[in-house]
Amino acid sequence: MSKKGKLVERFLKMPKDFHYDEAVKLLGNFGFEEVKKGKTSGSRVKFENAGGVPIMLHKPHPSGIMKQYQLKQIKEILEL
């Protein structure tokens, strides 16, 4: 299985230790890119795909571990 497939499989299990960096890779695999709003954007991060579908997230800190509600939000938008 490819790295992409393994990442999607891991994501679908909704693990409690899913890291923000993994989420960025996952979203990138589905055509989403981070929208840079400048130096003052803080911990709010927006991802968009070519169709303009937005995903708004708060970058988790200090641990980088995603909250379950964030994973559910991503799953609903990606329709997995």
PDB file of N, CA and C in Angstrom:
ATOM      1  N   MET A   1       0.851  -1.187   0.000  1.00  0.00           N
ATOM      2  CA  MET A   1       0.000   0.000   0.000  1.00  0.00           C
ATOM      3  C   MET A   1       0.893   1.245   0.000  1.00  0.00           C
ATOM      4  N   SER A   2       0.479   2.266  -0.706  1.00  0.00           N
ATOM      5  CA  SER A   2       1.261   3.494  -0.812  1.00  0.00           C
ATOM      6  C   SER A   2       1.207   4.299   0.492  1.00  0.00           C
ATOM      7  N   LYS A   3       2.090   5.271   0.593  1.00  0.00           N
ATOM      8  CA  LYS A   3       2.094   6.145   1.780  1.00  0.00           C
ATOM      9  C   LYS A   3       0.772   6.900   1.886  1.00  0.00           C
ATOM     10  N   LYS A   4       0.248   7.333   0.740  1.00  0.00           N
ATOM     11  CA  LYS A   4      -1.024   8.050   0.718  1.00  0.00           C
ATOM     12  C   LYS A   4      -2.141   7.154   1.251  1.00  0.00           C
ATOM     13  N   GLY A   5      -2.166   5.922   0.781  1.00  0.00           N
ATOM     14  CA  GLY A   5      -3.176   4.969   1.218  1.00  0.00           C
ATOM     15  C   GLY A   5      -3.089   4.683   2.707  1.00  0.00           C
ATOM     16  N   LYS A   6      -1.861   4.541   3.204  1.00  0.00           N
ATOM     17  CA  LYS A   6      -1.668   4.282   4.635  1.00  0.00           C
ATOM     18  C   LYS A   6      -2.113   5.470   5.467  1.00  0.00           C
ATOM     19  N   LEU A   7      -1.846   6.677   4.976  1.00  0.00           N
ATOM     20  CA  LEU A   7      -2.249   7.882   5.698  1.00  0.00           C
ATOM     21  C   LEU A   7      -3.767   7.990   5.747  1.00  0.00           C
ATOM     22  N   VAL A   8      -4.440   7.720   4.625  1.00  0.00           N
ATOM     23  CA  VAL A   8      -5.904   7.764   4.586  1.00  0.00           C
ATOM     24  C   VAL A   8      -6.477   6.696   5.520  1.00  0.00           C
ATOM     25  N   GLU A   9      -5.902   5.511   5.485  1.00  0.00           N
ATOM     26  CA  GLU A   9      -6.366   4.425   6.355  1.00  0.00           C
ATOM     27  C   GLU A   9      -6.222   4.805   7.830  1.00  0.00           C
ATOM     28  N   ARG A  10      -5.093   5.389   8.172  1.00  0.00           N
ATOM     29  CA  ARG A  10      -4.863   5.834   9.554  1.00  0.00           C
ATOM     30  C   ARG A  10      -5.875   6.914   9.940  1.00  0.00           C
ATOM     31  N   PHE A  11      -6.103   7.865   9.040  1.00  0.00           N
ATOM     32  CA  PHE A  11      -7.046   8.948   9.305  1.00  0.00           C
ATOM     33  C   PHE A  11      -8.456   8.414   9.554  1.00  0.00           C
ATOM     34  N   LEU A  12      -8.884   7.450   8.752  1.00  0.00           N
ATOM     35  CA  LEU A  12     -10.236   6.915   8.869  1.00  0.00           C
ATOM     36  C   LEU A  12     -10.473   6.195  10.199  1.00  0.00           C
ATOM     37  N   LYS A  13      -9.407   5.778  10.852  1.00  0.00           N
ATOM     38  CA  LYS A  13      -9.528   5.158  12.174  1.00  0.00           C
ATOM     39  C   LYS A  13      -9.743   6.203  13.265  1.00  0.00           C
ATOM     40  N   MET A  14      -9.642   7.493  12.884  1.00  0.00           N
ATOM     41  CA  MET A  14      -9.823   8.625  13.801  1.00  0.00           C
ATOM     42  C   MET A  14      -8.957   8.481  15.070  1.00  0.00           C
ATOM     43  N   PRO A  15      -7.641   8.344  14.894  1.00  0.00           N
ATOM     44  CA  PRO A  15      -6.779   8.140  16.061  1.00  0.00           C
ATOM     45  C   PRO A  15      -6.705   9.386  16.943  1.00  0.00           C
ATOM     46  N   LYS A  16      -6.473   9.166  18.212  1.00  0.00           N
ATOM     47  CA  LYS A  16      -6.380  10.276  19.169  1.00  0.00           C
ATOM     48  C   LYS A  16      -5.046  11.013  19.043  1.00  0.00           C
ATOM     49  N   ASP A  17      -4.086  10.440  18.297  1.00  0.00           N
ATOM     50  CA  ASP A  17      -2.757  11.054  18.173  1.00  0.00           C
ATOM     51  C   ASP A  17      -2.451  11.511  16.742  1.00  0.00           C
ATOM     52  N   PHE A  18      -3.487  11.865  15.978  1.00  0.00           N
ATOM     53  CA  PHE A  18      -3.287  12.333  14.598  1.00  0.00           C
ATOM     54  C   PHE A  18      -2.694  13.734  14.647  1.00  0.00           C
ATOM     55  N   HIS A  19      -1.547  13.914  14.025  1.00  0.00           N
ATOM     56  CA  HIS A  19      -0.785  15.163  14.120  1.00  0.00           C
ATOM     57  C   HIS A  19      -1.179  16.143  13.012  1.00  0.00           C
ATOM     58  N   TYR A  20      -1.022  17.419  13.287  1.00  0.00           N
ATOM     59  CA  TYR A  20      -1.339  18.480  12.321  1.00  0.00           C
ATOM     60  C   TYR A  20      -0.565  18.287  11.018  1.00  0.00           C
ATOM     61  N   ASP A  21       0.705  17.912  11.114  1.00  0.00           N
ATOM     62  CA  ASP A  21       1.517  17.705   9.911  1.00  0.00           C
ATOM     63  C   ASP A  21       0.941  16.594   9.032  1.00  0.00           C
ATOM     64  N   GLU A  22       0.381  15.559   9.665  1.00  0.00           N
ATOM     65  CA  GLU A  22      -0.259  14.485   8.911  1.00  0.00           C
ATOM     66  C   GLU A  22      -1.517  15.016   8.208  1.00  0.00           C
ATOM     67  N   ALA A  23      -2.256  15.888   8.898  1.00  0.00           N
ATOM     68  CA  ALA A  23      -3.464  16.477   8.315  1.00  0.00           C
ATOM     69  C   ALA A  23      -3.113  17.330   7.097  1.00  0.00           C
ATOM     70  N   VAL A  24      -2.022  18.074   7.176  1.00  0.00           N
ATOM     71  CA  VAL A  24      -1.582  18.900   6.045  1.00  0.00           C
ATOM     72  C   VAL A  24      -1.257  18.004   4.842  1.00  0.00           C
ATOM     73  N   LYS A  25      -0.559  16.896   5.083  1.00  0.00           N
ATOM     74  CA  LYS A  25      -0.235  15.957   3.996  1.00  0.00           C
ATOM     75  C   LYS A  25      -1.502  15.342   3.419  1.00  0.00           C
ATOM     76  N   LEU A  26      -2.427  14.949   4.307  1.00  0.00           N
ATOM     77  CA  LEU A  26      -3.682  14.353   3.868  1.00  0.00           C
ATOM     78  C   LEU A  26      -4.464  15.318   2.985  1.00  0.00           C
ATOM     79  N   LEU A  27      -4.594  16.556   3.445  1.00  0.00           N
ATOM     80  CA  LEU A  27      -5.327  17.553   2.665  1.00  0.00           C
ATOM     81  C   LEU A  27      -4.630  17.830   1.335  1.00  0.00           C
ATOM     82  N   GLY A  28      -3.306  17.851   1.349  1.00  0.00           N
ATOM     83  CA  GLY A  28      -2.544  18.040   0.114  1.00  0.00           C
ATOM     84  C   GLY A  28      -2.799  16.930  -0.889  1.00  0.00           C
ATOM     85  N   ASN A  29      -2.949  15.708  -0.386  1.00  0.00           N
ATOM     86  CA  ASN A  29      -3.251  14.570  -1.265  1.00  0.00           C
ATOM     87  C   ASN A  29      -4.610  14.713  -1.938  1.00  0.00           C
ATOM     88  N   PHE A  30      -5.507  15.470  -1.322  1.00  0.00           N
ATOM     89  CA  PHE A  30      -6.836  15.676  -1.886  1.00  0.00           C
ATOM     90  C   PHE A  30      -6.956  17.033  -2.585  1.00  0.00           C
ATOM     91  N   GLY A  31      -5.820  17.676  -2.869  1.00  0.00           N
ATOM     92  CA  GLY A  31      -5.822  18.899  -3.657  1.00  0.00           C
ATOM     93  C   GLY A  31      -6.033  20.186  -2.865  1.00  0.00           C
ATOM     94  N   PHE A  32      -5.939  20.130  -1.544  1.00  0.00           N
ATOM     95  CA  PHE A  32      -6.103  21.329  -0.731  1.00  0.00           C
ATOM     96  C   PHE A  32      -4.741  21.954  -0.450  1.00  0.00           C
ATOM     97  N   GLU A  33      -4.704  23.283  -0.519  1.00  0.00           N
ATOM     98  CA  GLU A  33      -3.477  24.023  -0.220  1.00  0.00           C
ATOM     99  C   GLU A  33      -3.769  25.054   0.857  1.00  0.00           C
ATOM    100  N   GLU A  34      -2.768  25.301   1.683  1.00  0.00           N
ATOM    101  CA  GLU A  34      -2.907  26.308   2.738  1.00  0.00           C
ATOM    102  C   GLU A  34      -2.928  27.694   2.112  1.00  0.00           C
ATOM    103  N   VAL A  35      -3.874  28.511   2.557  1.00  0.00           N
ATOM    104  CA  VAL A  35      -3.990  29.882   2.072  1.00  0.00           C
ATOM    105  C   VAL A  35      -3.204  30.766   3.037  1.00  0.00           C
ATOM    106  N   LYS A  36      -2.206  31.428   2.518  1.00  0.00           N
ATOM    107  CA  LYS A  36      -1.375  32.302   3.353  1.00  0.00           C
ATOM    108  C   LYS A  36      -2.061  33.651   3.503  1.00  0.00           C
ATOM    109  N   LYS A  37      -2.338  34.035   4.753  1.00  0.00           N
ATOM    110  CA  LYS A  37      -3.014  35.310   4.999  1.00  0.00           C
ATOM    111  C   LYS A  37      -2.060  36.369   5.534  1.00  0.00           C
ATOM    112  N   GLY A  38      -0.795  36.053   5.640  1.00  0.00           N
ATOM    113  CA  GLY A  38       0.160  37.024   6.139  1.00  0.00           C
ATOM    114  C   GLY A  38       0.704  36.631   7.494  1.00  0.00           C
ATOM    115  N   LYS A  39       1.555  37.463   8.037  1.00  0.00           N
ATOM    116  CA  LYS A  39       2.232  37.162   9.290  1.00  0.00           C
ATOM    117  C   LYS A  39       1.292  37.146  10.491  1.00  0.00           C
ATOM    118  N   THR A  40       0.181  37.852  10.408  1.00  0.00           N
ATOM    119  CA  THR A  40      -0.688  37.990  11.569  1.00  0.00           C
ATOM    120  C   THR A  40      -1.850  37.002  11.585  1.00  0.00           C
ATOM    121  N   SER A  41      -1.796  35.960  10.764  1.00  0.00           N
ATOM    122  CA  SER A  41      -2.916  35.025  10.717  1.00  0.00           C
ATOM    123  C   SER A  41      -3.016  34.182  11.984  1.00  0.00           C
ATOM    124  N   GLY A  42      -1.936  34.074  12.743  1.00  0.00           N
ATOM    125  CA  GLY A  42      -1.977  33.352  14.011  1.00  0.00           C
ATOM    126  C   GLY A  42      -2.184  31.866  13.824  1.00  0.00           C
ATOM    127  N   SER A  43      -2.956  31.258  14.728  1.00  0.00           N
ATOM    128  CA  SER A  43      -3.139  29.814  14.681  1.00  0.00           C
ATOM    129  C   SER A  43      -4.290  29.383  13.780  1.00  0.00           C
ATOM    130  N   ARG A  44      -5.033  30.324  13.215  1.00  0.00           N
ATOM    131  CA  ARG A  44      -6.109  29.973  12.279  1.00  0.00           C
ATOM    132  C   ARG A  44      -5.495  29.701  10.913  1.00  0.00           C
ATOM    133  N   VAL A  45      -5.888  28.571  10.349  1.00  0.00           N
ATOM    134  CA  VAL A  45      -5.346  28.166   9.060  1.00  0.00           C
ATOM    135  C   VAL A  45      -6.503  27.827   8.137  1.00  0.00           C
ATOM    136  N   LYS A  46      -6.402  28.291   6.894  1.00  0.00           N
ATOM    137  CA  LYS A  46      -7.438  28.003   5.898  1.00  0.00           C
ATOM    138  C   LYS A  46      -6.807  27.208   4.767  1.00  0.00           C
ATOM    139  N   PHE A  47      -7.500  26.143   4.383  1.00  0.00           N
ATOM    140  CA  PHE A  47      -7.097  25.332   3.240  1.00  0.00           C
ATOM    141  C   PHE A  47      -8.201  25.436   2.201  1.00  0.00           C
ATOM    142  N   GLU A  48      -7.814  25.483   0.929  1.00  0.00           N
ATOM    143  CA  GLU A  48      -8.788  25.519  -0.167  1.00  0.00           C
ATOM    144  C   GLU A  48      -8.333  24.583  -1.269  1.00  0.00           C
ATOM    145  N   ASN A  49      -9.316  24.010  -1.968  1.00  0.00           N
ATOM    146  CA  ASN A  49      -8.981  23.218  -3.150  1.00  0.00           C
ATOM    147  C   ASN A  49      -9.229  24.061  -4.397  1.00  0.00           C
ATOM    148  N   ALA A  50      -9.030  23.483  -5.563  1.00  0.00           N
ATOM    149  CA  ALA A  50      -9.191  24.223  -6.819  1.00  0.00           C
ATOM    150  C   ALA A  50     -10.624  24.705  -7.015  1.00  0.00           C
ATOM    151  N   GLY A  51     -11.582  23.993  -6.440  1.00  0.00           N
ATOM    152  CA  GLY A  51     -12.983  24.384  -6.560  1.00  0.00           C
ATOM    153  C   GLY A  51     -13.399  25.453  -5.569  1.00  0.00           C
ATOM    154  N   GLY A  52     -12.475  25.883  -4.718  1.00  0.00           N
ATOM    155  CA  GLY A  52     -12.766  26.934  -3.747  1.00  0.00           C
ATOM    156  C   GLY A  52     -13.408  26.445  -2.462  1.00  0.00           C
ATOM    157  N   VAL A  53     -13.433  25.129  -2.235  1.00  0.00           N
ATOM    158  CA  VAL A  53     -14.014  24.576  -1.006  1.00  0.00           C
ATOM    159  C   VAL A  53     -13.051  24.865   0.150  1.00  0.00           C
ATOM    160  N   PRO A  54     -13.522  25.600   1.182  1.00  0.00           N
ATOM    161  CA  PRO A  54     -12.623  25.948   2.283  1.00  0.00           C
ATOM    162  C   PRO A  54     -12.692  24.950   3.444  1.00  0.00           C
ATOM    163  N   ILE A  55     -11.574  24.795   4.120  1.00  0.00           N
ATOM    164  CA  ILE A  55     -11.506  24.077   5.387  1.00  0.00           C
ATOM    165  C   ILE A  55     -10.769  25.001   6.348  1.00  0.00           C
ATOM    166  N   MET A  56     -11.455  25.414   7.412  1.00  0.00           N
ATOM    167  CA  MET A  56     -10.852  26.293   8.416  1.00  0.00           C
ATOM    168  C   MET A  56     -10.467  25.455   9.638  1.00  0.00           C
ATOM    169  N   LEU A  57      -9.222  25.590  10.061  1.00  0.00           N
ATOM    170  CA  LEU A  57      -8.734  24.854  11.223  1.00  0.00           C
ATOM    171  C   LEU A  57      -7.963  25.788  12.143  1.00  0.00           C
ATOM    172  N   HIS A  58      -7.928  25.424  13.409  1.00  0.00           N
ATOM    173  CA  HIS A  58      -7.013  26.058  14.343  1.00  0.00           C
ATOM    174  C   HIS A  58      -5.820  25.134  14.456  1.00  0.00           C
ATOM    175  N   LYS A  59      -4.630  25.693  14.225  1.00  0.00           N
ATOM    176  CA  LYS A  59      -3.423  24.893  14.324  1.00  0.00           C
ATOM    177  C   LYS A  59      -3.225  24.544  15.805  1.00  0.00           C
ATOM    178  N   PRO A  60      -3.239  23.243  16.138  1.00  0.00           N
ATOM    179  CA  PRO A  60      -3.110  22.866  17.547  1.00  0.00           C
ATOM    180  C   PRO A  60      -1.704  23.142  18.066  1.00  0.00           C
ATOM    181  N   HIS A  61      -1.654  23.644  19.275  1.00  0.00           N
ATOM    182  CA  HIS A  61      -0.348  23.909  19.880  1.00  0.00           C
ATOM    183  C   HIS A  61      -0.450  23.713  21.371  1.00  0.00           C
ATOM    184  N   PRO A  62       0.545  23.367  22.099  1.00  0.00           N
ATOM    185  CA  PRO A  62       1.920  23.160  21.625  1.00  0.00           C
ATOM    186  C   PRO A  62       2.182  21.764  21.073  1.00  0.00           C
ATOM    187  N   SER A  63       1.284  20.806  21.309  1.00  0.00           N
ATOM    188  CA  SER A  63       1.578  19.411  20.956  1.00  0.00           C
ATOM    189  C   SER A  63       1.428  19.106  19.468  1.00  0.00           C
ATOM    190  N   GLY A  64       0.530  19.787  18.782  1.00  0.00           N
ATOM    191  CA  GLY A  64       0.294  19.517  17.370  1.00  0.00           C
ATOM    192  C   GLY A  64      -0.713  18.400  17.130  1.00  0.00           C
ATOM    193  N   ILE A  65      -1.279  17.838  18.197  1.00  0.00           N
ATOM    194  CA  ILE A  65      -2.253  16.752  18.061  1.00  0.00           C
ATOM    195  C   ILE A  65      -3.626  17.351  17.752  1.00  0.00           C
ATOM    196  N   MET A  66      -4.258  16.836  16.712  1.00  0.00           N
ATOM    197  CA  MET A  66      -5.562  17.335  16.272  1.00  0.00           C
ATOM    198  C   MET A  66      -6.665  16.883  17.222  1.00  0.00           C
ATOM    199  N   LYS A  67      -7.683  17.732  17.367  1.00  0.00           N
ATOM    200  CA  LYS A  67      -8.865  17.395  18.165  1.00  0.00           C
ATOM    201  C   LYS A  67      -9.795  16.525  17.320  1.00  0.00           C
ATOM    202  N   GLN A  68     -10.605  15.723  17.985  1.00  0.00           N
ATOM    203  CA  GLN A  68     -11.515  14.821  17.277  1.00  0.00           C
ATOM    204  C   GLN A  68     -12.523  15.578  16.404  1.00  0.00           C
ATOM    205  N   TYR A  69     -13.016  16.720  16.895  1.00  0.00           N
ATOM    206  CA  TYR A  69     -13.983  17.471  16.094  1.00  0.00           C
ATOM    207  C   TYR A  69     -13.351  17.973  14.793  1.00  0.00           C
ATOM    208  N   GLN A  70     -12.047  18.256  14.818  1.00  0.00           N
ATOM    209  CA  GLN A  70     -11.362  18.700  13.609  1.00  0.00           C
ATOM    210  C   GLN A  70     -11.269  17.553  12.594  1.00  0.00           C
ATOM    211  N   LEU A  71     -10.977  16.361  13.099  1.00  0.00           N
ATOM    212  CA  LEU A  71     -10.891  15.198  12.215  1.00  0.00           C
ATOM    213  C   LEU A  71     -12.250  14.914  11.587  1.00  0.00           C
ATOM    214  N   LYS A  72     -13.317  15.024  12.372  1.00  0.00           N
ATOM    215  CA  LYS A  72     -14.663  14.794  11.848  1.00  0.00           C
ATOM    216  C   LYS A  72     -15.015  15.832  10.783  1.00  0.00           C
ATOM    217  N   GLN A  73     -14.622  17.083  11.027  1.00  0.00           N
ATOM    218  CA  GLN A  73     -14.880  18.155  10.062  1.00  0.00           C
ATOM    219  C   GLN A  73     -14.175  17.851   8.740  1.00  0.00           C
ATOM    220  N   ILE A  74     -12.928  17.461   8.810  1.00  0.00           N
ATOM    221  CA  ILE A  74     -12.159  17.142   7.598  1.00  0.00           C
ATOM    222  C   ILE A  74     -12.806  15.951   6.880  1.00  0.00           C
ATOM    223  N   LYS A  75     -13.196  14.936   7.633  1.00  0.00           N
ATOM    224  CA  LYS A  75     -13.795  13.745   7.043  1.00  0.00           C
ATOM    225  C   LYS A  75     -15.095  14.086   6.314  1.00  0.00           C
ATOM    226  N   GLU A  76     -15.917  14.936   6.905  1.00  0.00           N
ATOM    227  CA  GLU A  76     -17.183  15.334   6.273  1.00  0.00           C
ATOM    228  C   GLU A  76     -16.927  16.086   4.957  1.00  0.00           C
ATOM    229  N   ILE A  77     -15.968  16.974   4.960  1.00  0.00           N
ATOM    230  CA  ILE A  77     -15.692  17.772   3.761  1.00  0.00           C
ATOM    231  C   ILE A  77     -15.085  16.902   2.653  1.00  0.00           C
ATOM    232  N   LEU A  78     -14.188  15.975   3.042  1.00  0.00           N
ATOM    233  CA  LEU A  78     -13.571  15.104   2.054  1.00  0.00           C
ATOM    234  C   LEU A  78     -14.515  13.977   1.626  1.00  0.00           C
ATOM    235  N   GLU A  79     -15.612  13.785   2.355  1.00  0.00           N
ATOM    236  CA  GLU A  79     -16.613  12.761   2.074  1.00  0.00           C
ATOM    237  C   GLU A  79     -15.999  11.363   2.026  1.00  0.00           C
ATOM    238  N   LEU A  80     -15.202  11.049   3.053  1.00  0.00           N
ATOM    239  CA  LEU A  80     -14.576   9.735   3.141  1.00  0.00           C
ATOM    240  C   LEU A  80     -15.423   8.776   3.951  1.00  0.00           C
TER     241      LEU A  80
END
